[in-house]
PDB file of N, CA and C in Angstrom:
ATOM      1  N   UNK A   1      82.655 138.895  76.917  1.00  0.00           N
ATOM      2  CA  UNK A   1      83.342 139.643  77.932  1.00  0.00           C
ATOM      3  C   UNK A   1      83.991 138.644  78.893  1.00  0.00           C
ATOM      4  N   UNK A   2      85.189 138.979  79.343  1.00  0.00           N
ATOM      5  CA  UNK A   2      85.936 138.083  80.223  1.00  0.00           C
ATOM      6  C   UNK A   2      86.361 138.838  81.476  1.00  0.00           C
ATOM      7  N   UNK A   3      86.235 138.183  82.618  1.00  0.00           N
ATOM      8  CA  UNK A   3      86.631 138.768  83.902  1.00  0.00           C
ATOM      9  C   UNK A   3      87.533 137.790  84.632  1.00  0.00           C
ATOM     10  N   UNK A   4      88.514 138.325  85.374  1.00  0.00           N
ATOM     11  CA  UNK A   4      89.395 137.490  86.192  1.00  0.00           C
ATOM     12  C   UNK A   4      89.126 137.824  87.655  1.00  0.00           C
ATOM     13  N   UNK A   5      89.027 136.778  88.474  1.00  0.00           N
ATOM     14  CA  UNK A   5      88.739 136.944  89.899  1.00  0.00           C
ATOM     15  C   UNK A   5      89.793 136.217  90.724  1.00  0.00           C
ATOM     16  N   UNK A   6      90.074 136.735  91.903  1.00  0.00           N
ATOM     17  CA  UNK A   6      90.906 136.037  92.868  1.00  0.00           C
ATOM     18  C   UNK A   6      89.995 135.129  93.680  1.00  0.00           C
ATOM     19  N   UNK A   7      90.392 133.878  93.834  1.00  0.00           N
ATOM     20  CA  UNK A   7      89.603 132.911  94.590  1.00  0.00           C
ATOM     21  C   UNK A   7      90.517 132.302  95.644  1.00  0.00           C
ATOM     22  N   UNK A   8      90.147 132.445  96.909  1.00  0.00           N
ATOM     23  CA  UNK A   8      90.966 131.898  97.986  1.00  0.00           C
ATOM     24  C   UNK A   8      90.211 130.796  98.698  1.00  0.00           C
ATOM     25  N   UNK A   9      90.923 129.976  99.429  1.00  0.00           N
ATOM     26  CA  UNK A   9      90.296 128.938 100.234  1.00  0.00           C
ATOM     27  C   UNK A   9      90.272 127.574  99.586  1.00  0.00           C
ATOM     28  N   UNK A  10      90.721 127.474  98.349  1.00  0.00           N
ATOM     29  CA  UNK A  10      90.747 126.168  97.687  1.00  0.00           C
ATOM     30  C   UNK A  10      92.042 125.462  98.064  1.00  0.00           C
ATOM     31  N   UNK A  11      91.925 124.220  98.530  1.00  0.00           N
ATOM     32  CA  UNK A  11      93.117 123.487  98.937  1.00  0.00           C
ATOM     33  C   UNK A  11      93.348 122.224  98.109  1.00  0.00           C
ATOM     34  N   UNK A  12      92.321 121.752  97.419  1.00  0.00           N
ATOM     35  CA  UNK A  12      92.442 120.513  96.652  1.00  0.00           C
ATOM     36  C   UNK A  12      91.775 120.667  95.300  1.00  0.00           C
ATOM     37  N   UNK A  13      92.145 119.800  94.380  1.00  0.00           N
ATOM     38  CA  UNK A  13      91.582 119.825  93.033  1.00  0.00           C
ATOM     39  C   UNK A  13      90.068 119.631  93.054  1.00  0.00           C
ATOM     40  N   UNK A  14      89.559 118.899  94.029  1.00  0.00           N
ATOM     41  CA  UNK A  14      88.113 118.705  94.128  1.00  0.00           C
ATOM     42  C   UNK A  14      87.411 120.043  94.370  1.00  0.00           C
ATOM     43  N   UNK A  15      88.026 120.914  95.164  1.00  0.00           N
ATOM     44  CA  UNK A  15      87.465 122.245  95.397  1.00  0.00           C
ATOM     45  C   UNK A  15      87.443 123.036  94.096  1.00  0.00           C
ATOM     46  N   UNK A  16      88.553 122.974  93.374  1.00  0.00           N
ATOM     47  CA  UNK A  16      88.652 123.666  92.093  1.00  0.00           C
ATOM     48  C   UNK A  16      87.542 123.207  91.163  1.00  0.00           C
ATOM     49  N   UNK A  17      87.337 121.912  91.075  1.00  0.00           N
ATOM     50  CA  UNK A  17      86.314 121.363  90.182  1.00  0.00           C
ATOM     51  C   UNK A  17      84.913 121.793  90.600  1.00  0.00           C
ATOM     52  N   UNK A  18      84.646 121.821  91.912  1.00  0.00           N
ATOM     53  CA  UNK A  18      83.320 122.226  92.394  1.00  0.00           C
ATOM     54  C   UNK A  18      83.032 123.689  92.079  1.00  0.00           C
ATOM     55  N   UNK A  19      84.024 124.546  92.330  1.00  0.00           N
ATOM     56  CA  UNK A  19      83.846 125.972  92.058  1.00  0.00           C
ATOM     57  C   UNK A  19      83.634 126.184  90.560  1.00  0.00           C
ATOM     58  N   UNK A  20      84.472 125.532  89.753  1.00  0.00           N
ATOM     59  CA  UNK A  20      84.376 125.684  88.298  1.00  0.00           C
ATOM     60  C   UNK A  20      83.016 125.209  87.787  1.00  0.00           C
ATOM     61  N   UNK A  21      82.546 124.076  88.270  1.00  0.00           N
ATOM     62  CA  UNK A  21      81.255 123.544  87.835  1.00  0.00           C
ATOM     63  C   UNK A  21      80.117 124.461  88.274  1.00  0.00           C
ATOM     64  N   UNK A  22      80.177 124.947  89.504  1.00  0.00           N
ATOM     65  CA  UNK A  22      79.119 125.813  90.021  1.00  0.00           C
ATOM     66  C   UNK A  22      79.012 127.107  89.223  1.00  0.00           C
ATOM     67  N   UNK A  23      80.141 127.734  88.960  1.00  0.00           N
ATOM     68  CA  UNK A  23      80.131 128.991  88.209  1.00  0.00           C
ATOM     69  C   UNK A  23      79.735 128.738  86.757  1.00  0.00           C
ATOM     70  N   UNK A  24      80.214 127.641  86.171  1.00  0.00           N
ATOM     71  CA  UNK A  24      79.881 127.325  84.779  1.00  0.00           C
ATOM     72  C   UNK A  24      78.386 127.145  84.575  1.00  0.00           C
ATOM     73  N   UNK A  25      77.678 126.714  85.610  1.00  0.00           N
ATOM     74  CA  UNK A  25      76.238 126.477  85.506  1.00  0.00           C
ATOM     75  C   UNK A  25      75.395 127.740  85.675  1.00  0.00           C
ATOM     76  N   UNK A  26      76.020 128.865  85.980  1.00  0.00           N
ATOM     77  CA  UNK A  26      75.272 130.106  86.143  1.00  0.00           C
ATOM     78  C   UNK A  26      74.813 130.639  84.789  1.00  0.00           C
ATOM     79  N   UNK A  27      73.650 131.250  84.790  1.00  0.00           N
ATOM     80  CA  UNK A  27      73.116 131.845  83.570  1.00  0.00           C
ATOM     81  C   UNK A  27      74.033 132.960  83.095  1.00  0.00           C
ATOM     82  N   UNK A  28      74.331 132.945  81.806  1.00  0.00           N
ATOM     83  CA  UNK A  28      75.156 133.994  81.218  1.00  0.00           C
ATOM     84  C   UNK A  28      76.638 133.675  81.188  1.00  0.00           C
ATOM     85  N   UNK A  29      77.038 132.566  81.816  1.00  0.00           N
ATOM     86  CA  UNK A  29      78.455 132.178  81.811  1.00  0.00           C
ATOM     87  C   UNK A  29      78.696 131.252  80.627  1.00  0.00           C
ATOM     88  N   UNK A  30      79.615 131.658  79.779  1.00  0.00           N
ATOM     89  CA  UNK A  30      79.959 130.873  78.607  1.00  0.00           C
ATOM     90  C   UNK A  30      81.040 129.842  78.948  1.00  0.00           C
ATOM     91  N   UNK A  31      82.010 130.278  79.745  1.00  0.00           N
ATOM     92  CA  UNK A  31      83.136 129.400  80.096  1.00  0.00           C
ATOM     93  C   UNK A  31      83.725 129.859  81.419  1.00  0.00           C
ATOM     94  N   UNK A  32      84.235 128.910  82.182  1.00  0.00           N
ATOM     95  CA  UNK A  32      84.875 129.222  83.462  1.00  0.00           C
ATOM     96  C   UNK A  32      86.125 128.366  83.598  1.00  0.00           C
ATOM     97  N   UNK A  33      87.226 128.997  83.985  1.00  0.00           N
ATOM     98  CA  UNK A  33      88.473 128.275  84.185  1.00  0.00           C
ATOM     99  C   UNK A  33      89.036 128.672  85.548  1.00  0.00           C
ATOM    100  N   UNK A  34      89.098 127.708  86.462  1.00  0.00           N
ATOM    101  CA  UNK A  34      89.610 127.953  87.808  1.00  0.00           C
ATOM    102  C   UNK A  34      91.015 127.365  87.899  1.00  0.00           C
ATOM    103  N   UNK A  35      91.955 128.193  88.364  1.00  0.00           N
ATOM    104  CA  UNK A  35      93.342 127.763  88.498  1.00  0.00           C
ATOM    105  C   UNK A  35      93.681 127.662  89.982  1.00  0.00           C
ATOM    106  N   UNK A  36      93.844 126.428  90.451  1.00  0.00           N
ATOM    107  CA  UNK A  36      94.112 126.174  91.866  1.00  0.00           C
ATOM    108  C   UNK A  36      95.445 126.776  92.298  1.00  0.00           C
ATOM    109  N   UNK A  37      96.478 126.657  91.472  1.00  0.00           N
ATOM    110  CA  UNK A  37      97.805 127.131  91.842  1.00  0.00           C
ATOM    111  C   UNK A  37      97.901 128.651  91.912  1.00  0.00           C
ATOM    112  N   UNK A  38      97.149 129.332  91.048  1.00  0.00           N
ATOM    113  CA  UNK A  38      97.189 130.791  91.019  1.00  0.00           C
ATOM    114  C   UNK A  38      96.071 131.431  91.840  1.00  0.00           C
ATOM    115  N   UNK A  39      95.210 130.594  92.444  1.00  0.00           N
ATOM    116  CA  UNK A  39      94.058 131.097  93.196  1.00  0.00           C
ATOM    117  C   UNK A  39      93.259 132.101  92.368  1.00  0.00           C
ATOM    118  N   UNK A  40      93.005 131.732  91.110  1.00  0.00           N
ATOM    119  CA  UNK A  40      92.294 132.649  90.235  1.00  0.00           C
ATOM    120  C   UNK A  40      91.206 131.927  89.458  1.00  0.00           C
ATOM    121  N   UNK A  41      90.294 132.718  88.934  1.00  0.00           N
ATOM    122  CA  UNK A  41      89.205 132.198  88.119  1.00  0.00           C
ATOM    123  C   UNK A  41      88.967 133.187  86.993  1.00  0.00           C
ATOM    124  N   UNK A  42      88.926 132.680  85.759  1.00  0.00           N
ATOM    125  CA  UNK A  42      88.612 133.514  84.607  1.00  0.00           C
ATOM    126  C   UNK A  42      87.254 133.062  84.093  1.00  0.00           C
ATOM    127  N   UNK A  43      86.327 134.016  84.016  1.00  0.00           N
ATOM    128  CA  UNK A  43      84.968 133.721  83.564  1.00  0.00           C
ATOM    129  C   UNK A  43      84.709 134.491  82.281  1.00  0.00           C
ATOM    130  N   UNK A  44      84.254 133.765  81.262  1.00  0.00           N
ATOM    131  CA  UNK A  44      83.840 134.391  80.008  1.00  0.00           C
ATOM    132  C   UNK A  44      82.321 134.403  79.997  1.00  0.00           C
ATOM    133  N   UNK A  45      81.762 135.595  79.870  1.00  0.00           N
ATOM    134  CA  UNK A  45      80.315 135.763  79.899  1.00  0.00           C
ATOM    135  C   UNK A  45      79.762 135.854  78.489  1.00  0.00           C
ATOM    136  N   UNK A  46      78.505 135.426  78.346  1.00  0.00           N
ATOM    137  CA  UNK A  46      77.788 135.620  77.083  1.00  0.00           C
ATOM    138  C   UNK A  46      77.627 137.115  76.851  1.00  0.00           C
ATOM    139  N   UNK A  47      77.744 137.520  75.613  1.00  0.00           N
ATOM    140  CA  UNK A  47      77.473 138.911  75.278  1.00  0.00           C
ATOM    141  C   UNK A  47      75.990 139.030  74.957  1.00  0.00           C
ATOM    142  N   UNK A  48      75.195 139.075  76.007  1.00  0.00           N
ATOM    143  CA  UNK A  48      73.752 139.126  75.822  1.00  0.00           C
ATOM    144  C   UNK A  48      73.165 140.227  76.696  1.00  0.00           C
ATOM    145  N   UNK A  49      71.940 140.644  76.370  1.00  0.00           N
ATOM    146  CA  UNK A  49      71.303 141.671  77.197  1.00  0.00           C
ATOM    147  C   UNK A  49      71.163 141.255  78.665  1.00  0.00           C
ATOM    148  N   UNK A  50      71.022 139.956  78.924  1.00  0.00           N
ATOM    149  CA  UNK A  50      70.875 139.496  80.312  1.00  0.00           C
ATOM    150  C   UNK A  50      72.119 139.845  81.120  1.00  0.00           C
ATOM    151  N   UNK A  51      73.294 139.665  80.515  1.00  0.00           N
ATOM    152  CA  UNK A  51      74.543 139.983  81.214  1.00  0.00           C
ATOM    153  C   UNK A  51      74.607 141.486  81.471  1.00  0.00           C
ATOM    154  N   UNK A  52      74.255 142.290  80.471  1.00  0.00           N
ATOM    155  CA  UNK A  52      74.257 143.744  80.656  1.00  0.00           C
ATOM    156  C   UNK A  52      73.313 144.148  81.777  1.00  0.00           C
ATOM    157  N   UNK A  53      72.178 143.495  81.841  1.00  0.00           N
ATOM    158  CA  UNK A  53      71.210 143.776  82.896  1.00  0.00           C
ATOM    159  C   UNK A  53      71.799 143.434  84.268  1.00  0.00           C
ATOM    160  N   UNK A  54      72.464 142.290  84.371  1.00  0.00           N
ATOM    161  CA  UNK A  54      73.080 141.884  85.642  1.00  0.00           C
ATOM    162  C   UNK A  54      74.187 142.857  86.034  1.00  0.00           C
ATOM    163  N   UNK A  55      74.996 143.266  85.065  1.00  0.00           N
ATOM    164  CA  UNK A  55      76.072 144.214  85.360  1.00  0.00           C
ATOM    165  C   UNK A  55      75.497 145.546  85.850  1.00  0.00           C
ATOM    166  N   UNK A  56      74.414 145.983  85.243  1.00  0.00           N
ATOM    167  CA  UNK A  56      73.768 147.229  85.667  1.00  0.00           C
ATOM    168  C   UNK A  56      73.286 147.110  87.114  1.00  0.00           C
ATOM    169  N   UNK A  57      72.701 145.964  87.461  1.00  0.00           N
ATOM    170  CA  UNK A  57      72.229 145.761  88.833  1.00  0.00           C
ATOM    171  C   UNK A  57      73.395 145.726  89.818  1.00  0.00           C
ATOM    172  N   UNK A  58      74.478 145.044  89.446  1.00  0.00           N
ATOM    173  CA  UNK A  58      75.652 144.984  90.328  1.00  0.00           C
ATOM    174  C   UNK A  58      76.258 146.369  90.517  1.00  0.00           C
ATOM    175  N   UNK A  59      76.289 147.142  89.433  1.00  0.00           N
ATOM    176  CA  UNK A  59      76.838 148.493  89.511  1.00  0.00           C
ATOM    177  C   UNK A  59      75.957 149.383  90.385  1.00  0.00           C
ATOM    178  N   UNK A  60      74.646 149.292  90.218  1.00  0.00           N
ATOM    179  CA  UNK A  60      73.751 150.134  91.029  1.00  0.00           C
ATOM    180  C   UNK A  60      73.770 149.723  92.500  1.00  0.00           C
ATOM    181  N   UNK A  61      74.132 148.468  92.782  1.00  0.00           N
ATOM    182  CA  UNK A  61      74.243 148.004  94.170  1.00  0.00           C
ATOM    183  C   UNK A  61      75.585 148.383  94.787  1.00  0.00           C
ATOM    184  N   UNK A  62      76.468 148.957  93.974  1.00  0.00           N
ATOM    185  CA  UNK A  62      77.775 149.364  94.482  1.00  0.00           C
ATOM    186  C   UNK A  62      78.773 148.231  94.592  1.00  0.00           C
ATOM    187  N   UNK A  63      78.508 147.111  93.906  1.00  0.00           N
ATOM    188  CA  UNK A  63      79.415 145.962  93.981  1.00  0.00           C
ATOM    189  C   UNK A  63      80.525 146.025  92.947  1.00  0.00           C
ATOM    190  N   UNK A  64      80.270 146.687  91.817  1.00  0.00           N
ATOM    191  CA  UNK A  64      81.292 146.806  90.780  1.00  0.00           C
ATOM    192  C   UNK A  64      81.365 148.242  90.293  1.00  0.00           C
ATOM    193  N   UNK A  65      82.495 148.584  89.692  1.00  0.00           N
ATOM    194  CA  UNK A  65      82.679 149.873  89.026  1.00  0.00           C
ATOM    195  C   UNK A  65      83.157 149.574  87.615  1.00  0.00           C
ATOM    196  N   UNK A  66      82.954 150.532  86.723  1.00  0.00           N
ATOM    197  CA  UNK A  66      83.342 150.312  85.333  1.00  0.00           C
ATOM    198  C   UNK A  66      84.202 151.455  84.827  1.00  0.00           C
ATOM    199  N   UNK A  67      84.940 151.147  83.772  1.00  0.00           N
ATOM    200  CA  UNK A  67      85.785 152.142  83.113  1.00  0.00           C
ATOM    201  C   UNK A  67      85.662 151.896  81.618  1.00  0.00           C
ATOM    202  N   UNK A  68      85.373 152.953  80.860  1.00  0.00           N
ATOM    203  CA  UNK A  68      85.244 152.822  79.415  1.00  0.00           C
ATOM    204  C   UNK A  68      86.558 153.212  78.756  1.00  0.00           C
ATOM    205  N   UNK A  69      86.984 152.406  77.783  1.00  0.00           N
ATOM    206  CA  UNK A  69      88.175 152.693  76.986  1.00  0.00           C
ATOM    207  C   UNK A  69      87.785 152.460  75.533  1.00  0.00           C
ATOM    208  N   UNK A  70      87.401 153.521  74.857  1.00  0.00           N
ATOM    209  CA  UNK A  70      86.897 153.387  73.491  1.00  0.00           C
ATOM    210  C   UNK A  70      85.563 152.666  73.508  1.00  0.00           C
ATOM    211  N   UNK A  71      85.468 151.569  72.775  1.00  0.00           N
ATOM    212  CA  UNK A  71      84.229 150.787  72.729  1.00  0.00           C
ATOM    213  C   UNK A  71      84.155 149.755  73.848  1.00  0.00           C
ATOM    214  N   UNK A  72      85.253 149.502  74.500  1.00  0.00           N
ATOM    215  CA  UNK A  72      85.313 148.479  75.549  1.00  0.00           C
ATOM    216  C   UNK A  72      84.953 149.076  76.907  1.00  0.00           C
ATOM    217  N   UNK A  73      84.270 148.277  77.713  1.00  0.00           N
ATOM    218  CA  UNK A  73      83.964 148.656  79.088  1.00  0.00           C
ATOM    219  C   UNK A  73      84.586 147.607  79.996  1.00  0.00           C
ATOM    220  N   UNK A  74      85.390 148.053  80.953  1.00  0.00           N
ATOM    221  CA  UNK A  74      86.077 147.164  81.874  1.00  0.00           C
ATOM    222  C   UNK A  74      85.417 147.282  83.252  1.00  0.00           C
ATOM    223  N   UNK A  75      85.157 146.140  83.872  1.00  0.00           N
ATOM    224  CA  UNK A  75      84.509 146.096  85.178  1.00  0.00           C
ATOM    225  C   UNK A  75      85.464 145.493  86.198  1.00  0.00           C
ATOM    226  N   UNK A  76      85.348 145.964  87.430  1.00  0.00           N
ATOM    227  CA  UNK A  76      86.110 145.381  88.532  1.00  0.00           C
ATOM    228  C   UNK A  76      85.297 145.536  89.807  1.00  0.00           C
ATOM    229  N   UNK A  77      85.684 144.792  90.806  1.00  0.00           N
ATOM    230  CA  UNK A  77      84.994 144.872  92.101  1.00  0.00           C
ATOM    231  C   UNK A  77      85.195 146.264  92.687  1.00  0.00           C
ATOM    232  N   UNK A  78      84.155 146.800  93.243  1.00  0.00           N
ATOM    233  CA  UNK A  78      84.219 148.118  93.871  1.00  0.00           C
ATOM    234  C   UNK A  78      84.878 148.005  95.238  1.00  0.00           C
ATOM    235  N   UNK A  79      85.472 149.091  95.661  1.00  0.00           N
ATOM    236  CA  UNK A  79      86.080 149.128  96.992  1.00  0.00           C
ATOM    237  C   UNK A  79      85.071 149.746  97.961  1.00  0.00           C
ATOM    238  N   UNK A  80      83.969 149.018  98.168  1.00  0.00           N
ATOM    239  CA  UNK A  80      82.891 149.494  99.029  1.00  0.00           C
ATOM    240  C   UNK A  80      82.566 148.420 100.060  1.00  0.00           C
ATOM    241  N   UNK A  81      81.854 148.811 101.094  1.00  0.00           N
ATOM    242  CA  UNK A  81      81.467 147.838 102.120  1.00  0.00           C
ATOM    243  C   UNK A  81      80.588 146.726 101.544  1.00  0.00           C
ATOM    244  N   UNK A  82      79.567 147.051 100.706  1.00  0.00           N
ATOM    245  CA  UNK A  82      78.769 145.963 100.130  1.00  0.00           C
ATOM    246  C   UNK A  82      79.609 144.998  99.277  1.00  0.00           C
ATOM    247  N   UNK A  83      80.571 145.529  98.531  1.00  0.00           N
ATOM    248  CA  UNK A  83      81.418 144.667  97.706  1.00  0.00           C
ATOM    249  C   UNK A  83      82.290 143.772  98.583  1.00  0.00           C
ATOM    250  N   UNK A  84      82.806 144.322  99.671  1.00  0.00           N
ATOM    251  CA  UNK A  84      83.619 143.516 100.586  1.00  0.00           C
ATOM    252  C   UNK A  84      82.773 142.442 101.256  1.00  0.00           C
ATOM    253  N   UNK A  85      81.547 142.782 101.617  1.00  0.00           N
ATOM    254  CA  UNK A  85      80.638 141.783 102.206  1.00  0.00           C
ATOM    255  C   UNK A  85      80.330 140.679 101.212  1.00  0.00           C
ATOM    256  N   UNK A  86      80.117 141.051  99.961  1.00  0.00           N
ATOM    257  CA  UNK A  86      79.850 140.080  98.903  1.00  0.00           C
ATOM    258  C   UNK A  86      81.065 139.161  98.727  1.00  0.00           C
ATOM    259  N   UNK A  87      82.262 139.730  98.750  1.00  0.00           N
ATOM    260  CA  UNK A  87      83.492 138.943  98.639  1.00  0.00           C
ATOM    261  C   UNK A  87      83.599 137.952  99.797  1.00  0.00           C
ATOM    262  N   UNK A  88      83.289 138.405 101.004  1.00  0.00           N
ATOM    263  CA  UNK A  88      83.333 137.513 102.170  1.00  0.00           C
ATOM    264  C   UNK A  88      82.301 136.394 102.041  1.00  0.00           C
ATOM    265  N   UNK A  89      81.141 136.721 101.472  1.00  0.00           N
ATOM    266  CA  UNK A  89      80.112 135.708 101.265  1.00  0.00           C
ATOM    267  C   UNK A  89      80.611 134.637 100.288  1.00  0.00           C
ATOM    268  N   UNK A  90      81.297 135.066  99.226  1.00  0.00           N
ATOM    269  CA  UNK A  90      81.841 134.102  98.262  1.00  0.00           C
ATOM    270  C   UNK A  90      82.883 133.218  98.941  1.00  0.00           C
ATOM    271  N   UNK A  91      83.766 133.819  99.742  1.00  0.00           N
ATOM    272  CA  UNK A  91      84.749 133.024 100.472  1.00  0.00           C
ATOM    273  C   UNK A  91      84.069 132.017 101.395  1.00  0.00           C
ATOM    274  N   UNK A  92      82.999 132.442 102.050  1.00  0.00           N
ATOM    275  CA  UNK A  92      82.247 131.564 102.939  1.00  0.00           C
ATOM    276  C   UNK A  92      81.653 130.406 102.147  1.00  0.00           C
ATOM    277  N   UNK A  93      81.101 130.693 100.962  1.00  0.00           N
ATOM    278  CA  UNK A  93      80.541 129.635 100.117  1.00  0.00           C
ATOM    279  C   UNK A  93      81.614 128.645  99.663  1.00  0.00           C
ATOM    280  N   UNK A  94      82.807 129.155  99.361  1.00  0.00           N
ATOM    281  CA  UNK A  94      83.912 128.267  98.976  1.00  0.00           C
ATOM    282  C   UNK A  94      84.257 127.349 100.144  1.00  0.00           C
ATOM    283  N   UNK A  95      84.247 127.880 101.368  1.00  0.00           N
ATOM    284  CA  UNK A  95      84.547 127.048 102.541  1.00  0.00           C
ATOM    285  C   UNK A  95      83.503 125.953 102.725  1.00  0.00           C
ATOM    286  N   UNK A  96      82.245 126.284 102.422  1.00  0.00           N
ATOM    287  CA  UNK A  96      81.183 125.281 102.540  1.00  0.00           C
ATOM    288  C   UNK A  96      81.326 124.233 101.439  1.00  0.00           C
ATOM    289  N   UNK A  97      81.591 124.693 100.211  1.00  0.00           N
ATOM    290  CA  UNK A  97      81.683 123.776  99.075  1.00  0.00           C
ATOM    291  C   UNK A  97      82.964 122.945  99.125  1.00  0.00           C
ATOM    292  N   UNK A  98      83.991 123.494  99.746  1.00  0.00           N
ATOM    293  CA  UNK A  98      85.294 122.816  99.797  1.00  0.00           C
ATOM    294  C   UNK A  98      85.796 122.789 101.230  1.00  0.00           C
ATOM    295  N   UNK A  99      85.213 121.954 102.074  1.00  0.00           N
ATOM    296  CA  UNK A  99      85.657 121.934 103.471  1.00  0.00           C
ATOM    297  C   UNK A  99      87.162 121.672 103.549  1.00  0.00           C
ATOM    298  N   UNK A 100      87.801 122.399 104.389  1.00  0.00           N
ATOM    299  CA  UNK A 100      89.253 122.307 104.508  1.00  0.00           C
ATOM    300  C   UNK A 100      89.686 120.918 104.956  1.00  0.00           C
ATOM    301  N   UNK A 101      90.549 120.322 104.168  1.00  0.00           N
ATOM    302  CA  UNK A 101      91.077 119.006 104.501  1.00  0.00           C
ATOM    303  C   UNK A 101      92.172 119.126 105.556  1.00  0.00           C
ATOM    304  N   UNK A 102      92.616 120.355 105.818  1.00  0.00           N
ATOM    305  CA  UNK A 102      93.673 120.571 106.807  1.00  0.00           C
ATOM    306  C   UNK A 102      93.220 120.093 108.180  1.00  0.00           C
ATOM    307  N   UNK A 103      91.975 120.404 108.568  1.00  0.00           N
ATOM    308  CA  UNK A 103      91.471 119.987 109.870  1.00  0.00           C
ATOM    309  C   UNK A 103      91.433 118.464 109.978  1.00  0.00           C
ATOM    310  N   UNK A 104      91.053 117.798 108.898  1.00  0.00           N
ATOM    311  CA  UNK A 104      90.997 116.332 108.878  1.00  0.00           C
ATOM    312  C   UNK A 104      92.396 115.760 109.014  1.00  0.00           C
ATOM    313  N   UNK A 105      93.360 116.381 108.334  1.00  0.00           N
ATOM    314  CA  UNK A 105      94.734 115.875 108.335  1.00  0.00           C
ATOM    315  C   UNK A 105      95.419 116.069 109.686  1.00  0.00           C
ATOM    316  N   UNK A 106      94.985 117.063 110.471  1.00  0.00           N
ATOM    317  CA  UNK A 106      95.609 117.295 111.766  1.00  0.00           C
ATOM    318  C   UNK A 106      95.473 116.099 112.692  1.00  0.00           C
ATOM    319  N   UNK A 107      94.354 115.397 112.608  1.00  0.00           N
ATOM    320  CA  UNK A 107      94.134 114.248 113.472  1.00  0.00           C
ATOM    321  C   UNK A 107      94.768 112.971 112.952  1.00  0.00           C
ATOM    322  N   UNK A 108      95.352 113.028 111.761  1.00  0.00           N
ATOM    323  CA  UNK A 108      95.975 111.845 111.159  1.00  0.00           C
ATOM    324  C   UNK A 108      97.444 111.794 111.521  1.00  0.00           C
ATOM    325  N   UNK A 109      97.961 110.639 111.939  1.00  0.00           N
ATOM    326  CA  UNK A 109      99.394 110.560 112.306  1.00  0.00           C
ATOM    327  C   UNK A 109     100.285 110.705 111.103  1.00  0.00           C
TER     328      UNK A 109
END
């Protein structure tokens, strides 16, 4: 299963590499590709019961919604307060993992 996410706050390739490495190390992630220019991340998940279990938990928490089309099930972020809070938490983590170089550059002539 593959999911595409919008990722904001990355300003340098080092940020891209950190995010990609961090997500790639998560259980159930088969592959992760972060695109700095498109502010996107494509994650390919293992097709295992563990992933299904995680998706069920995310769905019951109101973080994702699903749509079935034949045998395929498509997931996306829910438009709920918990999902928005989770999104803000991810943005906050990106800021911690990739401190903005803009502030550093402001003091440079």
